[in-house]
N, C-alpha and C. Protein backbone atom coordinates (compact mmCIF):
# COMPACT_ATOMS: atom_id res chain seq x y z
N MET A 1 -20.10 3.96 -2.89
CA MET A 1 -19.13 4.24 -1.77
C MET A 1 -17.96 5.04 -2.33
N SER A 2 -17.50 5.90 -1.51
CA SER A 2 -16.35 6.79 -1.86
C SER A 2 -15.08 5.94 -1.93
N THR A 3 -14.17 6.30 -2.89
CA THR A 3 -12.86 5.61 -2.91
C THR A 3 -11.81 6.74 -2.70
N SER A 4 -12.19 7.80 -2.08
CA SER A 4 -11.17 8.86 -1.79
C SER A 4 -11.46 9.39 -0.38
N ILE A 5 -10.33 10.03 0.11
CA ILE A 5 -10.45 10.71 1.47
C ILE A 5 -9.84 12.09 1.32
N HIS A 6 -10.62 13.01 1.93
CA HIS A 6 -10.15 14.38 2.04
C HIS A 6 -10.16 14.87 3.56
N GLN A 7 -9.07 15.27 4.08
CA GLN A 7 -9.07 15.73 5.50
C GLN A 7 -8.17 16.91 5.55
N GLU A 8 -8.60 17.88 6.43
CA GLU A 8 -7.88 19.04 6.76
C GLU A 8 -7.61 19.14 8.21
N VAL A 9 -6.45 19.33 8.70
CA VAL A 9 -6.11 19.23 10.09
C VAL A 9 -5.16 20.38 10.46
N PHE A 10 -5.20 20.95 11.68
CA PHE A 10 -4.23 21.97 12.10
C PHE A 10 -3.44 21.39 13.24
N LEU A 11 -2.16 21.58 13.21
CA LEU A 11 -1.20 21.10 14.24
C LEU A 11 -0.38 22.35 14.78
N ASN A 12 -0.21 22.38 16.07
CA ASN A 12 0.63 23.43 16.69
C ASN A 12 2.14 23.10 16.46
N ALA A 13 2.59 23.10 15.27
CA ALA A 13 4.02 22.90 14.99
C ALA A 13 4.27 23.46 13.61
N SER A 14 5.56 23.80 13.36
CA SER A 14 5.94 24.36 12.07
C SER A 14 5.76 23.28 10.97
N PRO A 15 5.65 23.74 9.68
CA PRO A 15 5.65 22.82 8.58
C PRO A 15 6.92 21.91 8.55
N GLN A 16 8.07 22.44 9.01
CA GLN A 16 9.27 21.69 8.98
C GLN A 16 9.16 20.55 10.05
N GLU A 17 8.61 20.86 11.21
CA GLU A 17 8.49 19.79 12.28
C GLU A 17 7.49 18.72 11.80
N VAL A 18 6.37 19.10 11.18
CA VAL A 18 5.35 18.14 10.67
C VAL A 18 5.95 17.26 9.61
N TYR A 19 6.68 17.89 8.65
CA TYR A 19 7.29 17.18 7.53
C TYR A 19 8.30 16.16 8.15
N GLN A 20 9.15 16.56 9.03
CA GLN A 20 10.05 15.66 9.71
C GLN A 20 9.35 14.44 10.41
N SER A 21 8.14 14.79 11.00
CA SER A 21 7.49 13.70 11.66
C SER A 21 6.97 12.60 10.70
N PHE A 22 6.73 13.07 9.49
CA PHE A 22 6.25 12.03 8.47
C PHE A 22 7.45 11.38 7.76
N MET A 23 8.59 12.11 7.59
CA MET A 23 9.59 11.61 6.74
C MET A 23 10.88 11.09 7.45
N ASP A 24 11.01 11.29 8.78
CA ASP A 24 12.14 10.83 9.51
C ASP A 24 11.82 9.53 10.22
N ASP A 25 12.61 8.45 9.96
CA ASP A 25 12.28 7.13 10.46
C ASP A 25 12.04 7.19 12.02
N ALA A 26 12.91 7.74 12.74
CA ALA A 26 12.90 7.75 14.16
C ALA A 26 11.62 8.60 14.74
N ARG A 27 11.41 9.70 14.11
CA ARG A 27 10.31 10.60 14.53
C ARG A 27 8.98 9.95 14.23
N HIS A 28 8.91 9.27 13.09
CA HIS A 28 7.65 8.62 12.65
C HIS A 28 7.40 7.39 13.55
N SER A 29 8.47 6.55 13.85
CA SER A 29 8.34 5.51 14.76
C SER A 29 7.93 5.93 16.14
N ALA A 30 8.53 7.09 16.60
CA ALA A 30 8.13 7.51 17.90
C ALA A 30 6.72 7.89 18.13
N PHE A 31 6.12 8.59 17.22
CA PHE A 31 4.73 9.04 17.44
C PHE A 31 3.67 7.93 17.10
N THR A 32 4.08 7.01 16.15
CA THR A 32 3.14 5.85 15.85
C THR A 32 3.35 4.73 16.75
N GLN A 33 4.48 4.69 17.46
CA GLN A 33 4.77 3.57 18.33
C GLN A 33 4.97 2.27 17.55
N MET A 34 5.34 2.45 16.27
CA MET A 34 5.59 1.13 15.42
C MET A 34 6.79 1.53 14.48
N ALA A 35 7.51 0.46 14.11
CA ALA A 35 8.67 0.60 13.28
C ALA A 35 8.41 1.26 11.95
N SER A 36 9.25 2.20 11.42
CA SER A 36 9.12 2.78 10.16
C SER A 36 10.45 2.88 9.55
N THR A 37 10.56 2.68 8.17
CA THR A 37 11.72 2.83 7.40
C THR A 37 11.23 3.67 6.26
N ILE A 38 11.76 4.99 6.18
CA ILE A 38 11.19 5.97 5.24
C ILE A 38 12.37 6.62 4.43
N SER A 39 12.33 6.32 3.11
CA SER A 39 13.32 7.06 2.29
C SER A 39 12.92 8.42 2.18
N THR A 40 13.92 9.28 2.11
CA THR A 40 13.63 10.75 1.94
C THR A 40 13.86 11.21 0.49
N GLU A 41 13.98 10.24 -0.49
CA GLU A 41 14.23 10.60 -1.89
C GLU A 41 13.06 10.23 -2.72
N PRO A 42 12.74 11.05 -3.78
CA PRO A 42 11.75 10.64 -4.70
C PRO A 42 12.08 9.24 -5.29
N GLY A 43 11.06 8.35 -5.42
CA GLY A 43 11.33 6.96 -5.92
C GLY A 43 11.72 5.98 -4.79
N GLY A 44 12.04 6.49 -3.64
CA GLY A 44 12.44 5.63 -2.54
C GLY A 44 11.26 4.91 -1.84
N MET A 45 11.55 3.85 -1.26
CA MET A 45 10.54 3.00 -0.64
C MET A 45 10.20 3.50 0.84
N VAL A 46 8.97 3.17 1.29
CA VAL A 46 8.63 3.52 2.60
C VAL A 46 7.86 2.26 3.17
N SER A 47 8.09 2.10 4.53
CA SER A 47 7.38 1.06 5.23
C SER A 47 7.10 1.58 6.59
N MET A 48 5.83 1.54 6.94
CA MET A 48 5.35 2.09 8.21
C MET A 48 4.52 1.12 8.98
N HIS A 49 4.29 1.49 10.32
CA HIS A 49 3.46 0.66 11.10
C HIS A 49 3.86 -0.85 11.11
N ASP A 50 5.15 -1.04 11.38
CA ASP A 50 5.69 -2.45 11.49
C ASP A 50 5.38 -3.18 10.15
N GLY A 51 5.56 -2.44 9.03
CA GLY A 51 5.34 -3.14 7.74
C GLY A 51 3.95 -3.27 7.23
N GLN A 52 2.88 -2.75 8.06
CA GLN A 52 1.57 -2.83 7.56
C GLN A 52 1.23 -1.96 6.40
N ILE A 53 2.00 -0.93 6.30
CA ILE A 53 1.80 0.17 5.20
C ILE A 53 3.16 0.15 4.52
N VAL A 54 3.00 0.09 3.18
CA VAL A 54 4.24 0.11 2.29
C VAL A 54 3.94 0.94 1.08
N GLY A 55 5.08 1.48 0.55
CA GLY A 55 4.84 2.31 -0.71
C GLY A 55 6.10 2.90 -1.19
N ARG A 56 5.90 3.88 -2.07
CA ARG A 56 7.04 4.59 -2.70
C ARG A 56 6.76 6.04 -2.74
N ASN A 57 7.78 6.84 -2.59
CA ASN A 57 7.67 8.20 -2.75
C ASN A 57 7.54 8.58 -4.14
N ILE A 58 6.64 9.43 -4.52
CA ILE A 58 6.41 9.87 -5.90
C ILE A 58 7.00 11.27 -6.10
N GLU A 59 6.57 12.18 -5.21
CA GLU A 59 7.08 13.54 -5.24
C GLU A 59 7.26 14.05 -3.79
N LEU A 60 8.37 14.75 -3.56
CA LEU A 60 8.65 15.35 -2.24
C LEU A 60 9.06 16.76 -2.41
N GLU A 61 8.46 17.69 -1.77
CA GLU A 61 8.92 19.11 -1.58
C GLU A 61 9.10 19.28 -0.14
N LYS A 62 10.40 19.32 0.26
CA LYS A 62 10.79 19.49 1.64
C LYS A 62 9.93 20.53 2.35
N ASP A 63 9.36 20.11 3.49
CA ASP A 63 8.53 20.97 4.37
C ASP A 63 7.20 21.43 3.71
N ARG A 64 6.91 20.96 2.56
CA ARG A 64 5.68 21.45 1.93
C ARG A 64 4.76 20.31 1.34
N LYS A 65 5.25 19.25 0.75
CA LYS A 65 4.41 18.30 0.09
C LYS A 65 5.08 16.87 0.06
N ILE A 66 4.12 15.87 0.33
CA ILE A 66 4.55 14.47 0.26
C ILE A 66 3.49 13.79 -0.62
N VAL A 67 3.98 13.15 -1.66
CA VAL A 67 3.08 12.34 -2.58
C VAL A 67 3.69 10.92 -2.61
N GLN A 68 2.81 9.99 -2.26
CA GLN A 68 3.36 8.58 -2.19
C GLN A 68 2.23 7.66 -2.88
N ALA A 69 2.73 6.61 -3.54
CA ALA A 69 1.91 5.45 -3.90
C ALA A 69 1.97 4.62 -2.60
N TRP A 70 0.80 4.29 -2.01
CA TRP A 70 0.76 3.70 -0.68
C TRP A 70 -0.28 2.57 -0.60
N ARG A 71 0.01 1.60 0.13
CA ARG A 71 -0.92 0.47 0.26
C ARG A 71 -0.76 -0.25 1.53
N VAL A 72 -1.90 -0.93 1.89
CA VAL A 72 -1.85 -1.80 3.04
C VAL A 72 -1.18 -3.15 2.55
N ALA A 73 -0.33 -3.73 3.37
CA ALA A 73 0.43 -4.90 2.91
C ALA A 73 -0.44 -6.06 2.52
N GLY A 74 -1.64 -6.15 3.13
CA GLY A 74 -2.52 -7.29 2.90
C GLY A 74 -3.42 -7.15 1.66
N TRP A 75 -3.39 -6.03 0.94
CA TRP A 75 -4.21 -5.85 -0.15
C TRP A 75 -3.66 -6.66 -1.35
N GLU A 76 -4.52 -6.88 -2.36
CA GLU A 76 -4.08 -7.64 -3.52
C GLU A 76 -2.84 -7.04 -4.13
N ASP A 77 -1.97 -7.83 -4.73
CA ASP A 77 -0.78 -7.30 -5.40
C ASP A 77 -1.19 -6.31 -6.43
N GLY A 78 -0.38 -5.26 -6.38
CA GLY A 78 -0.59 -4.07 -7.43
C GLY A 78 -1.57 -3.14 -7.09
N VAL A 79 -2.30 -3.25 -5.92
CA VAL A 79 -3.35 -2.23 -5.59
C VAL A 79 -2.70 -1.18 -4.67
N TYR A 80 -2.65 0.03 -5.13
CA TYR A 80 -2.11 1.28 -4.40
C TYR A 80 -3.08 2.36 -4.49
N THR A 81 -2.97 3.19 -3.44
CA THR A 81 -3.67 4.46 -3.46
C THR A 81 -2.67 5.59 -3.69
N LEU A 82 -3.17 6.64 -4.09
CA LEU A 82 -2.19 7.89 -4.26
C LEU A 82 -2.52 8.80 -3.02
N LEU A 83 -1.44 9.00 -2.26
CA LEU A 83 -1.61 9.82 -1.08
C LEU A 83 -0.85 11.14 -1.33
N LYS A 84 -1.54 12.24 -1.11
CA LYS A 84 -0.94 13.59 -1.20
C LYS A 84 -1.16 14.41 0.04
N ILE A 85 -0.12 14.82 0.68
CA ILE A 85 -0.14 15.60 1.88
C ILE A 85 0.54 16.97 1.61
N VAL A 86 -0.27 18.07 1.79
CA VAL A 86 0.25 19.43 1.56
C VAL A 86 0.27 20.13 2.88
N LEU A 87 1.39 20.75 3.23
CA LEU A 87 1.63 21.44 4.49
C LEU A 87 1.78 22.91 4.18
N SER A 88 1.12 23.75 5.02
CA SER A 88 1.32 25.21 4.83
C SER A 88 1.21 25.84 6.27
N ALA A 89 2.09 26.91 6.42
CA ALA A 89 2.07 27.61 7.65
C ALA A 89 0.81 28.32 7.80
N HIS A 90 0.19 28.28 9.03
CA HIS A 90 -1.13 28.81 9.20
C HIS A 90 -1.30 29.17 10.76
N ASP A 91 -1.55 30.38 11.10
CA ASP A 91 -1.87 30.79 12.53
C ASP A 91 -0.82 30.27 13.52
N GLY A 92 0.41 30.32 13.18
CA GLY A 92 1.47 29.92 14.08
C GLY A 92 1.70 28.45 14.11
N GLY A 93 0.99 27.68 13.28
CA GLY A 93 1.14 26.19 13.18
C GLY A 93 1.14 25.77 11.74
N THR A 94 0.57 24.60 11.55
CA THR A 94 0.62 24.03 10.14
C THR A 94 -0.78 23.53 9.85
N LYS A 95 -1.25 23.91 8.70
CA LYS A 95 -2.48 23.31 8.10
C LYS A 95 -2.07 22.17 7.24
N ILE A 96 -2.63 21.07 7.42
CA ILE A 96 -2.40 19.77 6.69
C ILE A 96 -3.61 19.56 5.73
N VAL A 97 -3.39 19.39 4.54
CA VAL A 97 -4.49 18.92 3.64
C VAL A 97 -4.10 17.59 3.07
N LEU A 98 -4.86 16.55 3.36
CA LEU A 98 -4.60 15.21 2.96
C LEU A 98 -5.68 14.85 1.92
N ASP A 99 -5.22 14.31 0.80
CA ASP A 99 -5.98 13.69 -0.23
C ASP A 99 -5.53 12.29 -0.54
N GLN A 100 -6.36 11.30 -0.38
CA GLN A 100 -5.93 9.88 -0.70
C GLN A 100 -6.98 9.49 -1.71
N THR A 101 -6.57 9.08 -2.86
CA THR A 101 -7.42 8.59 -3.96
C THR A 101 -7.15 7.18 -4.36
N GLY A 102 -8.09 6.50 -4.97
CA GLY A 102 -7.87 5.17 -5.39
C GLY A 102 -8.03 4.06 -4.32
N CYS A 103 -8.69 4.52 -3.20
CA CYS A 103 -8.82 3.43 -2.17
C CYS A 103 -9.78 2.33 -2.61
N PRO A 104 -9.40 1.09 -2.25
CA PRO A 104 -10.24 -0.02 -2.62
C PRO A 104 -11.64 0.14 -2.17
N GLU A 105 -12.62 -0.31 -2.87
CA GLU A 105 -14.01 -0.22 -2.58
C GLU A 105 -14.30 -0.73 -1.09
N GLY A 106 -14.91 0.08 -0.28
CA GLY A 106 -15.25 -0.23 1.06
C GLY A 106 -14.15 0.07 2.06
N MET A 107 -12.97 0.60 1.63
CA MET A 107 -11.86 0.81 2.55
C MET A 107 -11.72 2.29 2.92
N SER A 108 -12.40 3.19 2.25
CA SER A 108 -12.24 4.67 2.63
C SER A 108 -12.48 5.02 4.03
N GLU A 109 -13.68 4.51 4.57
CA GLU A 109 -14.04 4.87 5.91
C GLU A 109 -13.03 4.29 6.91
N HIS A 110 -12.54 3.08 6.74
CA HIS A 110 -11.55 2.51 7.60
C HIS A 110 -10.25 3.34 7.50
N LEU A 111 -9.83 3.65 6.35
CA LEU A 111 -8.49 4.45 6.24
C LEU A 111 -8.74 5.78 6.81
N ALA A 112 -9.90 6.44 6.60
CA ALA A 112 -10.05 7.82 7.12
C ALA A 112 -10.04 7.83 8.58
N SER A 113 -10.67 6.82 9.24
CA SER A 113 -10.62 6.77 10.71
C SER A 113 -9.20 6.46 11.19
N GLY A 114 -8.40 5.68 10.36
CA GLY A 114 -7.02 5.36 10.72
C GLY A 114 -6.19 6.60 10.75
N TRP A 115 -6.43 7.51 9.80
CA TRP A 115 -5.62 8.77 9.85
C TRP A 115 -5.84 9.51 11.14
N HIS A 116 -7.07 9.60 11.59
CA HIS A 116 -7.25 10.23 12.88
C HIS A 116 -6.65 9.54 14.04
N GLN A 117 -6.90 8.26 14.10
CA GLN A 117 -6.40 7.47 15.24
C GLN A 117 -4.86 7.31 15.31
N ARG A 118 -4.27 7.10 14.09
CA ARG A 118 -2.85 6.74 14.06
C ARG A 118 -1.94 7.97 13.76
N TYR A 119 -2.58 9.05 13.27
CA TYR A 119 -1.75 10.16 12.87
C TYR A 119 -2.14 11.49 13.61
N TRP A 120 -3.35 11.90 13.31
CA TRP A 120 -3.68 13.28 13.83
C TRP A 120 -3.75 13.36 15.35
N GLU A 121 -4.43 12.34 16.04
CA GLU A 121 -4.44 12.38 17.42
C GLU A 121 -3.12 12.24 18.11
N PRO A 122 -2.26 11.28 17.66
CA PRO A 122 -0.91 11.26 18.30
C PRO A 122 -0.01 12.49 17.99
N LEU A 123 -0.13 13.00 16.81
CA LEU A 123 0.65 14.20 16.50
C LEU A 123 0.16 15.39 17.29
N LYS A 124 -1.16 15.50 17.45
CA LYS A 124 -1.60 16.65 18.29
C LYS A 124 -1.15 16.46 19.71
N ALA A 125 -1.21 15.34 20.28
CA ALA A 125 -0.76 15.08 21.68
C ALA A 125 0.75 15.40 21.71
N HIS A 126 1.51 15.06 20.71
CA HIS A 126 2.97 15.27 20.72
C HIS A 126 3.30 16.73 20.68
N PHE A 127 2.70 17.48 19.75
CA PHE A 127 2.95 18.88 19.57
C PHE A 127 2.31 19.84 20.58
N ASP A 128 1.30 19.31 21.30
CA ASP A 128 0.62 20.22 22.29
C ASP A 128 1.17 20.06 23.65
N LYS A 129 2.33 19.33 23.81
CA LYS A 129 3.02 19.15 25.10
C LYS A 129 3.40 20.44 25.69
């Protein structure tokens, strides 16, 4: 079974708008319909989806890249995945390349579908208004 996820998505929004949707508490909470507290500093803590997802920012490049140590709150203590999201301007919108590695055995498929259900579909609906 795979322990990693690779997804590429296109959104009709600028890299700045997409980055803000991930990194701004209010914007993230609005499109996910769940509470989020997101530090905008490297080393800062993040909590999303009413605390179901927690982690820490590892590397941030404004409007370009987000790298986080990320976990589902119910996983065993100390178990984290490494999430890397790269944004690039493409055809009047943004190409997103997501790589998530170190997923616990048997969780990759569940997490991969969650990215579509909780992120890509709501963001597409939001930006295609």
